[in-house]
Amino acid sequence: MVNGFGGTPAMELYLMYGAARRILERRGLRVARSLVGTYVTSLEMAGCSFSVARLDDELCRLWDAPVHTAALRWGE
């Protein structure tokens, strides 16, 4: 997950995601799920945060479950 702090354009967040993904893949890690966007902000601050988690089958199933929150919405 690449989360913008409010002042970073989406294009820059996607560039950061691409760089991070290349680093992870060079280390033999596979990205199964990803989110890029501004989800939790810090008063229009520039920059972003990265979150990486190791997923097993159960966590992938939970990740893919429908979600309806202020920041995220997918599924039924």
Protein backbone atom coordinates (compact mmCIF):
# COMPACT_ATOMS: atom_id res chain seq x y z
CA MET A 1 0.00 0.00 0.00
CA VAL A 2 1.27 3.42 -0.94
CA ASN A 3 -0.64 6.10 0.95
CA GLY A 4 -0.33 9.78 0.08
CA PHE A 5 -0.43 12.36 2.85
CA GLY A 6 -2.70 14.74 0.95
CA GLY A 7 -0.27 16.94 -0.96
CA THR A 8 1.32 14.38 -3.27
CA PRO A 9 -0.22 13.97 -6.74
CA ALA A 10 -1.44 10.51 -7.78
CA MET A 11 1.16 10.37 -10.58
CA GLU A 12 3.97 10.64 -8.01
CA LEU A 13 2.36 7.99 -5.80
CA TYR A 14 2.25 5.60 -8.77
CA LEU A 15 5.91 6.34 -9.55
CA MET A 16 6.80 5.52 -5.93
CA TYR A 17 4.74 2.31 -6.14
CA GLY A 18 6.54 1.26 -9.32
CA ALA A 19 9.95 1.81 -7.72
CA ALA A 20 8.96 -0.06 -4.55
CA ARG A 21 7.51 -2.96 -6.54
CA ARG A 22 10.70 -3.31 -8.57
CA ILE A 23 12.75 -3.43 -5.34
CA LEU A 24 10.48 -6.09 -3.84
CA GLU A 25 10.52 -8.21 -7.00
CA ARG A 26 14.34 -8.00 -7.25
CA ARG A 27 14.40 -9.48 -3.75
CA GLY A 28 12.23 -12.39 -4.89
CA LEU A 29 8.95 -11.15 -3.41
CA ARG A 30 5.68 -11.26 -5.35
CA VAL A 31 3.11 -8.49 -4.97
CA ALA A 32 -0.30 -10.16 -4.66
CA ARG A 33 -2.44 -7.08 -3.89
CA SER A 34 -1.76 -3.37 -4.01
CA LEU A 35 -3.39 -0.04 -3.20
CA VAL A 36 -2.10 3.32 -4.35
CA GLY A 37 -3.85 6.54 -3.36
CA THR A 38 -4.59 9.06 -0.67
CA TYR A 39 -6.36 7.15 2.09
CA VAL A 40 -5.18 8.70 5.37
CA THR A 41 -3.96 12.27 4.99
CA SER A 42 -1.89 14.66 7.07
CA LEU A 43 -3.22 18.14 6.28
CA GLU A 44 -1.99 18.31 2.67
CA MET A 45 1.53 17.24 3.64
CA ALA A 46 3.86 16.13 0.83
CA GLY A 47 5.13 12.56 0.83
CA CYS A 48 3.77 9.08 1.27
CA SER A 49 3.96 5.99 3.42
CA PHE A 50 4.49 2.37 2.40
CA SER A 51 2.89 -0.63 4.05
CA VAL A 52 3.97 -4.17 3.16
CA ALA A 53 2.49 -7.34 4.64
CA ARG A 54 3.16 -11.02 4.11
CA LEU A 55 -0.12 -12.63 3.02
CA ASP A 56 -1.13 -16.26 3.34
CA ASP A 57 -4.25 -17.75 1.73
CA GLU A 58 -6.51 -16.71 4.61
CA LEU A 59 -5.28 -13.10 4.60
CA CYS A 60 -5.75 -12.90 0.81
CA ARG A 61 -9.33 -14.14 1.26
CA LEU A 62 -9.96 -11.51 3.93
CA TRP A 63 -8.35 -8.79 1.78
CA ASP A 64 -10.64 -9.69 -1.11
CA ALA A 65 -13.79 -9.61 1.04
CA PRO A 66 -16.24 -6.73 0.47
CA VAL A 67 -15.37 -3.56 2.36
CA HIS A 68 -17.36 -0.36 2.86
CA THR A 69 -15.51 2.34 4.79
CA ALA A 70 -14.88 6.05 4.36
CA ALA A 71 -11.47 5.32 2.78
CA LEU A 72 -12.13 2.06 0.90
CA ARG A 73 -15.06 0.56 -0.91
CA TRP A 74 -15.19 -2.59 -3.03
CA GLY A 75 -17.19 -5.78 -3.40
CA GLU A 76 -20.88 -6.21 -2.72
